Amino acid sequence: MRAALALFCLLAAPALADGVPQPNMRAELRAEADGVAPGQAVRVGLHLKSDQGWHTYWRNPGDAGSPTEINWTLPPGVAAGPIEWPVPQVIKEGDVVIFGYDGEVLLPSTIRVPATAKPGEAVSLKATVYYVVCREICIPGDAELSLSLPVTATPRRTETWPRQPSVQPGWSARLVQDDKTITLTIDTAGEALSEPRFLPYAPGQVPPDAPQAATRQDKRLVLRLARAPELRQELQRLDGLLIATHIVDGRQEPLAVVVEATR
């Protein structure tokens, strides 16, 4: 963590009920459908809406901050998957670069119910949420949230949420590491990209504020990344998100692809 951590204001934050605001933040649970069928799954999202100019953090927060956490309390047989992180923004504040969400974000998780669940019942979901919201200073907060989902044979989708970035078919990636750099060679299956940037999932691998030199070699994109000074071990793999711009039907469109690079 860099100098921005000195700005942290460790204030005690009160618990937050569903949809009830506290300073700088409002949090609630939302479901993608009006219920869930026995033995099936539904996505439930943590919706965070911070005041103008405030932001929360991605799984790798960058130079400062902390990622949002969700601790679920669920009925027997009900399981929750990890947070399905949306593509973050790259936010620069002075000499600090962070990865996060300015203003509003929906963090989905997949909730699965057992086949023994019966229509007419309800699944009670409870979540303890921990987050950090920042604008010049950073304030940690927590919330106790709940949501009741009816069990129904024919759930109806009520919201359409975008799918999260995934591995692109036909793409592959290799990494080479030396004392100062990590080189990613990504076979993009001929896809031409502009303004590529790699965001590692784990902090402490690539400095968030370091330039990333990109070149093309045949059908491959080569990214030369600075190696973080605190990275001591030799990486066997490097996972993260490649964000870039590509051409779709003659228009420039944003692209986000999961990269799983191996040696």
Protein backbone atom coordinates (compact mmCIF):
# COMPACT_ATOMS: atom_id res chain seq x y z
CA MET A 1 0.00 0.00 0.00
CA ARG A 2 1.21 3.46 -0.79
CA ALA A 3 0.80 6.93 0.62
CA ALA A 4 -2.94 6.92 0.05
CA LEU A 5 -3.32 4.49 2.92
CA ALA A 6 -2.32 7.30 5.23
CA LEU A 7 -5.60 8.92 4.26
CA PHE A 8 -7.64 6.11 5.77
CA CYS A 9 -10.05 7.37 8.38
CA LEU A 10 -10.90 4.34 10.50
CA LEU A 11 -14.37 5.31 11.58
CA ALA A 12 -16.81 2.86 13.13
CA ALA A 13 -19.62 2.35 10.61
CA PRO A 14 -23.08 1.31 11.78
CA ALA A 15 -24.78 -1.80 10.42
CA LEU A 16 -26.90 -1.19 7.36
CA ALA A 17 -30.33 -2.70 6.77
CA ASP A 18 -31.59 -3.49 3.27
CA GLY A 19 -31.65 -0.32 1.22
CA VAL A 20 -31.09 1.98 4.20
CA PRO A 21 -28.41 4.60 3.54
CA GLN A 22 -25.51 5.61 5.70
CA PRO A 23 -23.01 8.39 4.93
CA ASN A 24 -21.54 8.02 1.42
CA MET A 25 -23.12 4.63 0.67
CA ARG A 26 -26.33 2.69 0.09
CA ALA A 27 -26.32 -1.12 -0.10
CA GLU A 28 -28.92 -3.76 -0.88
CA LEU A 29 -29.30 -7.30 -2.23
CA ARG A 30 -31.04 -7.82 -5.57
CA ALA A 31 -32.08 -11.01 -7.35
CA GLU A 32 -31.99 -11.46 -11.11
CA ALA A 33 -35.32 -13.35 -10.99
CA ASP A 34 -38.48 -13.29 -8.89
CA GLY A 35 -37.66 -16.70 -7.39
CA VAL A 36 -35.64 -19.87 -7.80
CA ALA A 37 -36.62 -23.37 -8.89
CA PRO A 38 -35.76 -26.50 -6.87
CA GLY A 39 -32.26 -27.72 -7.71
CA GLN A 40 -31.51 -24.61 -9.78
CA ALA A 41 -29.50 -21.42 -9.38
CA VAL A 42 -30.17 -17.69 -9.45
CA ARG A 43 -27.79 -14.76 -9.42
CA VAL A 44 -28.08 -12.45 -6.43
CA GLY A 45 -26.19 -9.18 -6.54
CA LEU A 46 -24.86 -6.83 -3.93
CA HIS A 47 -25.77 -3.38 -5.21
CA LEU A 48 -23.52 -0.60 -3.88
CA LYS A 49 -24.29 3.02 -4.68
CA SER A 50 -21.85 5.56 -3.30
CA ASP A 51 -22.24 9.32 -3.30
CA GLN A 52 -20.88 11.37 -6.20
CA GLY A 53 -17.10 11.31 -6.31
CA TRP A 54 -16.78 8.28 -4.01
CA HIS A 55 -15.65 4.83 -5.17
CA THR A 56 -15.34 1.23 -4.02
CA TYR A 57 -12.80 -1.39 -5.07
CA TRP A 58 -12.23 -4.37 -7.39
CA ARG A 59 -10.76 -7.70 -6.28
CA ASN A 60 -7.28 -6.16 -6.79
CA PRO A 61 -7.69 -2.63 -5.41
CA GLY A 62 -4.46 -1.28 -6.88
CA ASP A 63 -2.29 1.14 -4.92
CA ALA A 64 -4.75 1.58 -2.03
CA GLY A 65 -8.08 0.47 -0.65
CA SER A 66 -9.60 -2.95 -0.05
CA PRO A 67 -11.97 -5.18 -2.05
CA THR A 68 -15.57 -5.61 -0.99
CA GLU A 69 -16.30 -8.84 0.90
CA ILE A 70 -19.57 -10.78 1.24
CA ASN A 71 -19.97 -13.34 4.03
CA TRP A 72 -23.14 -15.36 3.46
CA THR A 73 -25.36 -17.00 6.07
CA LEU A 74 -27.51 -19.53 4.21
CA PRO A 75 -30.03 -22.28 4.98
CA PRO A 76 -28.82 -25.91 4.89
CA GLY A 77 -28.20 -27.12 1.36
CA VAL A 78 -28.02 -23.62 -0.14
CA ALA A 79 -24.63 -22.56 -1.53
CA ALA A 80 -23.21 -19.25 -2.74
CA GLY A 81 -20.48 -18.85 -5.33
CA PRO A 82 -17.76 -16.19 -5.24
CA ILE A 83 -18.28 -12.60 -6.31
CA GLU A 84 -18.46 -12.35 -10.12
CA TRP A 85 -16.47 -9.14 -10.45
CA PRO A 86 -17.49 -6.69 -13.19
CA VAL A 87 -14.82 -4.93 -15.22
CA PRO A 88 -13.32 -2.19 -13.02
CA GLN A 89 -12.42 1.36 -13.89
CA VAL A 90 -8.80 2.49 -13.72
CA ILE A 91 -8.93 5.56 -11.48
CA LYS A 92 -5.92 7.85 -11.07
CA GLU A 93 -5.69 10.12 -8.05
CA GLY A 94 -2.43 12.04 -8.05
CA ASP A 95 0.34 9.41 -8.17
CA VAL A 96 -2.02 6.68 -6.94
CA VAL A 97 -3.73 4.29 -9.38
CA ILE A 98 -6.62 2.19 -8.13
CA PHE A 99 -8.98 -0.33 -9.72
CA GLY A 100 -12.57 0.13 -8.67
CA TYR A 101 -16.06 1.43 -9.28
CA ASP A 102 -17.01 5.08 -9.29
CA GLY A 103 -20.49 5.68 -7.94
CA GLU A 104 -22.40 2.45 -8.52
CA VAL A 105 -21.69 -1.25 -8.98
CA LEU A 106 -23.54 -4.58 -8.90
CA LEU A 107 -21.53 -7.53 -7.56
CA PRO A 108 -23.34 -10.80 -8.44
CA SER A 109 -22.92 -14.21 -6.83
CA THR A 110 -24.59 -17.42 -7.99
CA ILE A 111 -26.91 -18.93 -5.36
CA ARG A 112 -27.84 -22.62 -5.73
CA VAL A 113 -30.71 -24.25 -3.87
CA PRO A 114 -31.13 -28.00 -3.27
CA ALA A 115 -33.53 -30.17 -5.25
CA THR A 116 -35.39 -30.81 -2.00
CA ALA A 117 -36.61 -27.19 -1.90
CA LYS A 118 -40.38 -27.12 -2.37
CA PRO A 119 -42.45 -24.58 -4.31
CA GLY A 120 -44.30 -22.34 -1.89
CA GLU A 121 -41.34 -22.18 0.49
CA ALA A 122 -38.88 -19.30 0.64
CA VAL A 123 -35.08 -19.24 0.79
CA SER A 124 -33.79 -16.73 3.34
CA LEU A 125 -30.44 -15.20 2.36
CA LYS A 126 -28.38 -13.17 4.80
CA ALA A 127 -25.10 -11.45 4.07
CA THR A 128 -22.58 -9.49 6.11
CA VAL A 129 -20.87 -7.07 3.77
CA TYR A 130 -17.58 -5.27 4.33
CA TYR A 131 -16.50 -2.47 2.00
CA VAL A 132 -14.24 0.57 1.79
CA VAL A 133 -15.53 3.75 0.15
CA CYS A 134 -13.09 6.53 -0.72
CA ARG A 135 -12.81 10.11 -1.91
CA GLU A 136 -9.62 11.76 -0.61
CA ILE A 137 -10.21 9.85 2.62
CA CYS A 138 -11.29 6.20 2.89
CA ILE A 139 -14.03 5.00 5.21
CA PRO A 140 -14.55 1.30 5.97
CA GLY A 141 -18.16 0.23 6.38
CA ASP A 142 -20.21 -2.87 7.04
CA ALA A 143 -23.79 -3.88 6.35
CA GLU A 144 -26.13 -6.65 7.48
CA LEU A 145 -28.38 -7.42 4.51
CA SER A 146 -31.11 -9.96 3.83
CA LEU A 147 -33.31 -11.15 0.98
CA SER A 148 -36.11 -13.73 0.82
CA LEU A 149 -36.44 -15.67 -2.44
CA PRO A 150 -39.62 -17.64 -3.17
CA VAL A 151 -39.18 -21.21 -4.39
CA THR A 152 -41.22 -21.61 -7.56
CA ALA A 153 -41.37 -24.09 -10.41
CA THR A 154 -41.30 -21.29 -12.99
CA PRO A 155 -39.14 -18.35 -11.85
CA ARG A 156 -39.28 -15.29 -14.09
CA ARG A 157 -36.25 -13.13 -14.83
CA THR A 158 -36.96 -9.59 -13.70
CA GLU A 159 -33.57 -8.01 -14.38
CA THR A 160 -31.03 -8.53 -17.15
CA TRP A 161 -27.48 -8.35 -15.88
CA PRO A 162 -24.42 -8.52 -18.13
CA ARG A 163 -22.36 -11.68 -18.00
CA GLN A 164 -18.93 -11.32 -16.51
CA PRO A 165 -15.71 -11.40 -18.58
CA SER A 166 -14.61 -14.90 -19.51
CA VAL A 167 -11.84 -16.73 -21.34
CA GLN A 168 -12.04 -16.00 -25.08
CA PRO A 169 -12.30 -19.16 -27.23
CA GLY A 170 -9.13 -19.74 -29.21
CA TRP A 171 -7.00 -17.44 -27.07
CA SER A 172 -4.00 -18.62 -25.04
CA ALA A 173 -1.27 -16.90 -23.05
CA ARG A 174 2.27 -17.58 -21.86
CA LEU A 175 4.43 -15.71 -19.37
CA VAL A 176 8.17 -15.17 -19.03
CA GLN A 177 9.58 -13.55 -15.92
CA ASP A 178 12.97 -12.01 -15.18
CA ASP A 179 14.34 -9.76 -12.43
CA LYS A 180 12.52 -6.63 -13.59
CA THR A 181 9.79 -7.59 -16.04
CA ILE A 182 6.98 -10.02 -16.74
CA THR A 183 6.31 -10.60 -20.42
CA LEU A 184 2.88 -11.84 -21.46
CA THR A 185 2.49 -13.27 -24.93
CA ILE A 186 -1.21 -13.58 -25.74
CA ASP A 187 -2.44 -15.38 -28.83
CA THR A 188 -5.56 -13.36 -29.70
CA ALA A 189 -6.58 -15.59 -32.63
CA GLY A 190 -6.01 -12.72 -35.01
CA GLU A 191 -8.05 -10.18 -33.03
CA ALA A 192 -6.55 -6.71 -33.43
CA LEU A 193 -6.62 -4.72 -30.20
CA SER A 194 -5.79 -1.15 -29.31
CA GLU A 195 -4.90 0.38 -25.94
CA PRO A 196 -4.52 -3.01 -24.19
CA ARG A 197 -3.95 -3.11 -20.46
CA PHE A 198 -3.55 -6.12 -18.17
CA LEU A 199 -5.01 -6.02 -14.65
CA PRO A 200 -3.78 -8.93 -12.49
CA TYR A 201 -6.25 -10.50 -10.13
CA ALA A 202 -3.74 -10.56 -7.27
CA PRO A 203 -2.03 -7.44 -5.91
CA GLY A 204 1.73 -7.33 -5.53
CA GLN A 205 2.55 -8.76 -8.97
CA VAL A 206 2.45 -5.76 -11.35
CA PRO A 207 2.64 -2.14 -10.13
CA PRO A 208 -0.72 -0.50 -10.96
CA ASP A 209 0.91 2.76 -12.10
CA ALA A 210 3.66 1.22 -14.26
CA PRO A 211 3.54 1.66 -18.07
CA GLN A 212 2.73 -1.44 -20.11
CA ALA A 213 4.52 -1.69 -23.47
CA ALA A 214 2.45 -3.47 -26.14
CA THR A 215 3.66 -4.84 -29.48
CA ARG A 216 2.32 -7.28 -32.10
CA GLN A 217 4.09 -10.42 -33.26
CA ASP A 218 2.09 -12.17 -35.97
CA LYS A 219 -1.25 -13.03 -34.32
CA ARG A 220 0.12 -12.45 -30.84
CA LEU A 221 -0.06 -9.50 -28.51
CA VAL A 222 3.09 -9.04 -26.43
CA LEU A 223 2.79 -7.04 -23.19
CA ARG A 224 5.91 -6.15 -21.23
CA LEU A 225 4.96 -5.44 -17.63
CA ALA A 226 7.03 -4.16 -14.75
CA ARG A 227 7.57 -6.71 -12.00
CA ALA A 228 6.44 -5.49 -8.59
CA PRO A 229 9.42 -5.06 -6.23
CA GLU A 230 7.64 -7.11 -3.55
CA LEU A 231 7.20 -10.10 -5.87
CA ARG A 232 9.82 -12.58 -4.63
CA GLN A 233 8.74 -15.90 -6.10
CA GLU A 234 8.78 -17.14 -9.68
CA LEU A 235 5.23 -17.18 -11.00
CA GLN A 236 3.99 -20.41 -12.50
CA ARG A 237 0.85 -18.68 -13.77
CA LEU A 238 -0.59 -15.20 -13.91
CA ASP A 239 -4.33 -14.65 -14.03
CA GLY A 240 -6.09 -11.40 -14.69
CA LEU A 241 -8.17 -9.27 -17.00
CA LEU A 242 -7.11 -7.84 -20.34
CA ILE A 243 -9.04 -4.68 -21.18
CA ALA A 244 -8.73 -3.15 -24.64
CA THR A 245 -10.62 -1.69 -27.58
CA HIS A 246 -11.50 -3.68 -30.71
CA ILE A 247 -13.46 -3.14 -33.89
CA VAL A 248 -17.00 -4.53 -34.17
CA ASP A 249 -18.97 -3.78 -37.36
CA GLY A 250 -16.72 -0.82 -38.04
CA ARG A 251 -17.14 0.64 -34.55
CA GLN A 252 -14.70 0.76 -31.67
CA GLU A 253 -16.03 -1.27 -28.73
CA PRO A 254 -14.57 -2.04 -25.29
CA LEU A 255 -13.35 -5.59 -24.74
CA ALA A 256 -12.58 -7.41 -21.48
CA VAL A 257 -11.13 -10.94 -21.57
CA VAL A 258 -9.95 -13.25 -18.80
CA VAL A 259 -6.29 -14.16 -19.31
CA GLU A 260 -4.79 -17.27 -17.69
CA ALA A 261 -1.11 -17.22 -18.55
CA THR A 262 1.22 -20.12 -17.76
CA ARG A 263 4.97 -20.57 -18.08
